[in-house]
Amino acid sequence: MSQVTQITSTCEAGTIITLNAWVDPSNCEKYLKLFEPLAAELRKHPENLFTAICVNPTDPGHIRIVHGWTKASAWFFEVSCSGR
């Protein structure tokens, strides 16, 4: 359904994680609806600064999800992979 790349920047003061997904434009709404529950869960964490989802206005199949954290990326991956 989609091709996904992930770019991670790190710093001891925090992390910004950017996910770019390219989906068939006819599946864009479906993809966004599927991501809504995950975005809601990310926003519940006290370490989450923001979670933003946007669709490129000139490429409707390009969806970008960006979330910022107060912790380094090692913490994020440890927490997200541990099922906390």
N, C-alpha and C. Protein backbone atom coordinates (compact mmCIF):
# COMPACT_ATOMS: atom_id res chain seq x y z
N MET A 1 0.82 -1.19 0.00
CA MET A 1 0.00 0.00 0.00
C MET A 1 0.86 1.25 0.00
N SER A 2 1.98 1.25 0.74
CA SER A 2 2.78 2.47 0.80
C SER A 2 4.26 2.14 0.85
N GLN A 3 5.04 3.11 0.50
CA GLN A 3 6.48 3.05 0.66
C GLN A 3 6.80 4.02 1.78
N VAL A 4 7.57 3.59 2.78
CA VAL A 4 7.83 4.41 3.95
C VAL A 4 9.33 4.59 4.14
N THR A 5 9.74 5.81 4.42
CA THR A 5 11.10 6.09 4.85
C THR A 5 11.02 6.80 6.18
N GLN A 6 12.03 6.61 6.98
CA GLN A 6 12.05 7.26 8.30
C GLN A 6 13.38 7.97 8.46
N ILE A 7 13.33 9.23 8.86
CA ILE A 7 14.52 10.02 9.11
C ILE A 7 14.47 10.43 10.58
N THR A 8 15.54 10.18 11.31
CA THR A 8 15.56 10.50 12.73
C THR A 8 16.71 11.44 13.02
N SER A 9 16.43 12.52 13.73
CA SER A 9 17.49 13.39 14.22
C SER A 9 17.51 13.26 15.73
N THR A 10 18.71 13.31 16.31
CA THR A 10 18.80 13.11 17.75
C THR A 10 19.60 14.21 18.41
N CYS A 11 19.32 14.36 19.68
CA CYS A 11 20.03 15.30 20.52
C CYS A 11 19.66 14.93 21.95
N GLU A 12 20.55 15.11 22.89
CA GLU A 12 20.22 14.78 24.27
C GLU A 12 19.04 15.61 24.78
N ALA A 13 18.82 16.77 24.18
CA ALA A 13 17.73 17.64 24.60
C ALA A 13 16.39 17.20 24.01
N GLY A 14 16.40 16.28 23.03
CA GLY A 14 15.14 15.82 22.44
C GLY A 14 15.35 15.23 21.06
N THR A 15 14.26 14.81 20.48
CA THR A 15 14.28 14.12 19.19
C THR A 15 13.10 14.57 18.35
N ILE A 16 13.32 14.68 17.07
CA ILE A 16 12.24 14.89 16.11
C ILE A 16 12.28 13.70 15.16
N ILE A 17 11.16 13.03 15.03
CA ILE A 17 11.06 11.88 14.13
C ILE A 17 10.12 12.26 13.00
N THR A 18 10.59 12.05 11.77
CA THR A 18 9.82 12.36 10.58
C THR A 18 9.62 11.08 9.79
N LEU A 19 8.38 10.79 9.49
CA LEU A 19 8.05 9.63 8.67
C LEU A 19 7.39 10.15 7.40
N ASN A 20 7.94 9.76 6.27
CA ASN A 20 7.35 10.10 4.98
C ASN A 20 6.75 8.83 4.40
N ALA A 21 5.49 8.88 4.02
CA ALA A 21 4.84 7.74 3.40
C ALA A 21 4.28 8.18 2.05
N TRP A 22 4.46 7.33 1.06
CA TRP A 22 3.90 7.60 -0.26
C TRP A 22 2.86 6.52 -0.52
N VAL A 23 1.63 6.95 -0.64
CA VAL A 23 0.53 6.02 -0.87
C VAL A 23 -0.20 6.40 -2.14
N ASP A 24 -0.93 5.46 -2.68
CA ASP A 24 -1.78 5.76 -3.81
C ASP A 24 -2.76 6.84 -3.34
N PRO A 25 -2.86 7.96 -4.06
CA PRO A 25 -3.74 9.04 -3.61
C PRO A 25 -5.17 8.57 -3.31
N SER A 26 -5.63 7.53 -3.97
CA SER A 26 -6.98 7.03 -3.70
C SER A 26 -7.08 6.37 -2.33
N ASN A 27 -5.94 6.02 -1.72
CA ASN A 27 -5.91 5.41 -0.39
C ASN A 27 -5.50 6.40 0.71
N CYS A 28 -5.31 7.65 0.36
CA CYS A 28 -4.81 8.65 1.32
C CYS A 28 -5.73 8.78 2.54
N GLU A 29 -7.01 8.94 2.33
CA GLU A 29 -7.95 9.10 3.44
C GLU A 29 -7.93 7.87 4.33
N LYS A 30 -7.88 6.70 3.73
CA LYS A 30 -7.84 5.44 4.49
C LYS A 30 -6.58 5.38 5.35
N TYR A 31 -5.43 5.76 4.78
CA TYR A 31 -4.17 5.76 5.51
C TYR A 31 -4.24 6.72 6.69
N LEU A 32 -4.76 7.92 6.46
CA LEU A 32 -4.87 8.91 7.53
C LEU A 32 -5.78 8.41 8.66
N LYS A 33 -6.89 7.78 8.31
CA LYS A 33 -7.80 7.24 9.34
C LYS A 33 -7.13 6.14 10.14
N LEU A 34 -6.33 5.30 9.47
CA LEU A 34 -5.63 4.23 10.17
C LEU A 34 -4.59 4.79 11.14
N PHE A 35 -4.00 5.94 10.83
CA PHE A 35 -2.97 6.52 11.67
C PHE A 35 -3.55 7.30 12.86
N GLU A 36 -4.79 7.72 12.80
CA GLU A 36 -5.38 8.53 13.87
C GLU A 36 -5.23 7.92 15.27
N PRO A 37 -5.53 6.62 15.47
CA PRO A 37 -5.37 6.05 16.82
C PRO A 37 -3.92 6.07 17.31
N LEU A 38 -2.98 5.84 16.40
CA LEU A 38 -1.56 5.88 16.79
C LEU A 38 -1.16 7.30 17.18
N ALA A 39 -1.60 8.29 16.42
CA ALA A 39 -1.29 9.68 16.76
C ALA A 39 -1.86 10.03 18.13
N ALA A 40 -3.06 9.56 18.42
CA ALA A 40 -3.67 9.82 19.73
C ALA A 40 -2.84 9.20 20.85
N GLU A 41 -2.31 8.00 20.63
CA GLU A 41 -1.47 7.34 21.64
C GLU A 41 -0.15 8.10 21.82
N LEU A 42 0.46 8.56 20.74
CA LEU A 42 1.70 9.33 20.85
C LEU A 42 1.47 10.58 21.69
N ARG A 43 0.36 11.26 21.46
CA ARG A 43 0.07 12.52 22.16
C ARG A 43 -0.17 12.32 23.65
N LYS A 44 -0.50 11.11 24.08
CA LYS A 44 -0.75 10.82 25.50
C LYS A 44 0.52 10.82 26.34
N HIS A 45 1.68 10.57 25.71
CA HIS A 45 2.94 10.50 26.45
C HIS A 45 3.36 11.89 26.94
N PRO A 46 3.72 12.01 28.21
CA PRO A 46 4.15 13.32 28.72
C PRO A 46 5.42 13.82 28.03
N GLU A 47 6.20 12.92 27.46
CA GLU A 47 7.44 13.32 26.77
C GLU A 47 7.18 13.81 25.35
N ASN A 48 5.95 13.63 24.85
CA ASN A 48 5.61 14.05 23.49
C ASN A 48 5.36 15.55 23.46
N LEU A 49 6.10 16.26 22.63
CA LEU A 49 5.93 17.71 22.48
C LEU A 49 4.83 18.04 21.47
N PHE A 50 4.79 17.26 20.37
CA PHE A 50 3.79 17.48 19.33
C PHE A 50 3.76 16.27 18.40
N THR A 51 2.65 16.10 17.73
CA THR A 51 2.51 15.13 16.66
C THR A 51 1.71 15.81 15.56
N ALA A 52 2.28 15.88 14.37
CA ALA A 52 1.63 16.56 13.25
C ALA A 52 1.55 15.63 12.05
N ILE A 53 0.44 15.69 11.36
CA ILE A 53 0.23 14.88 10.16
C ILE A 53 -0.18 15.83 9.05
N CYS A 54 0.48 15.71 7.90
CA CYS A 54 0.10 16.59 6.79
C CYS A 54 0.23 15.86 5.46
N VAL A 55 -0.52 16.33 4.50
CA VAL A 55 -0.48 15.81 3.15
C VAL A 55 0.12 16.89 2.26
N ASN A 56 1.10 16.52 1.46
CA ASN A 56 1.73 17.47 0.55
C ASN A 56 0.68 18.02 -0.42
N PRO A 57 0.50 19.34 -0.47
CA PRO A 57 -0.55 19.91 -1.33
C PRO A 57 -0.28 19.73 -2.82
N THR A 58 0.96 19.50 -3.21
CA THR A 58 1.26 19.30 -4.63
C THR A 58 1.48 17.83 -4.97
N ASP A 59 1.48 16.95 -3.97
CA ASP A 59 1.64 15.51 -4.18
C ASP A 59 0.72 14.80 -3.18
N PRO A 60 -0.55 14.61 -3.53
CA PRO A 60 -1.53 14.10 -2.58
C PRO A 60 -1.24 12.69 -2.06
N GLY A 61 -0.31 11.97 -2.65
CA GLY A 61 0.05 10.65 -2.15
C GLY A 61 1.19 10.69 -1.14
N HIS A 62 1.74 11.87 -0.86
CA HIS A 62 2.86 12.02 0.07
C HIS A 62 2.32 12.52 1.40
N ILE A 63 2.41 11.65 2.41
CA ILE A 63 1.95 11.98 3.76
C ILE A 63 3.17 12.08 4.66
N ARG A 64 3.23 13.13 5.45
CA ARG A 64 4.35 13.32 6.38
C ARG A 64 3.80 13.34 7.80
N ILE A 65 4.43 12.55 8.65
CA ILE A 65 4.08 12.48 10.07
C ILE A 65 5.32 12.89 10.85
N VAL A 66 5.19 13.92 11.68
CA VAL A 66 6.32 14.44 12.44
C VAL A 66 5.92 14.46 13.91
N HIS A 67 6.81 13.93 14.76
CA HIS A 67 6.55 14.03 16.19
C HIS A 67 7.83 14.37 16.92
N GLY A 68 7.69 15.23 17.93
CA GLY A 68 8.83 15.70 18.71
C GLY A 68 8.74 15.18 20.13
N TRP A 69 9.92 14.93 20.72
CA TRP A 69 10.03 14.32 22.04
C TRP A 69 11.06 15.07 22.88
N THR A 70 10.89 15.03 24.18
CA THR A 70 11.83 15.68 25.10
C THR A 70 13.03 14.80 25.40
N LYS A 71 13.05 13.58 24.89
CA LYS A 71 14.13 12.61 25.16
C LYS A 71 14.89 12.29 23.88
N ALA A 72 16.07 11.70 24.05
CA ALA A 72 16.89 11.29 22.90
C ALA A 72 16.23 10.13 22.16
N SER A 73 16.63 9.89 20.92
CA SER A 73 15.99 8.86 20.11
C SER A 73 16.17 7.47 20.71
N ALA A 74 17.28 7.20 21.40
CA ALA A 74 17.47 5.88 22.01
C ALA A 74 16.33 5.59 22.99
N TRP A 75 15.93 6.60 23.75
CA TRP A 75 14.80 6.44 24.68
C TRP A 75 13.53 6.12 23.91
N PHE A 76 13.26 6.87 22.84
CA PHE A 76 12.02 6.64 22.07
C PHE A 76 11.96 5.22 21.55
N PHE A 77 13.05 4.74 20.94
CA PHE A 77 13.02 3.40 20.37
C PHE A 77 12.96 2.33 21.45
N GLU A 78 13.58 2.58 22.59
CA GLU A 78 13.50 1.64 23.70
C GLU A 78 12.05 1.54 24.20
N VAL A 79 11.40 2.68 24.37
CA VAL A 79 10.02 2.70 24.87
C VAL A 79 9.06 2.14 23.83
N SER A 80 9.21 2.55 22.58
CA SER A 80 8.25 2.11 21.55
C SER A 80 8.41 0.64 21.22
N CYS A 81 9.59 0.09 21.37
CA CYS A 81 9.80 -1.33 21.07
C CYS A 81 9.54 -2.23 22.28
N SER A 82 9.46 -1.64 23.48
CA SER A 82 9.25 -2.44 24.67
C SER A 82 7.78 -2.64 24.98
N GLY A 83 6.92 -1.90 24.30
CA GLY A 83 5.49 -2.02 24.53
C GLY A 83 5.00 -1.25 25.74
N ARG A 84 5.81 -0.32 26.25
CA ARG A 84 5.39 0.50 27.38
C ARG A 84 4.11 1.25 27.12
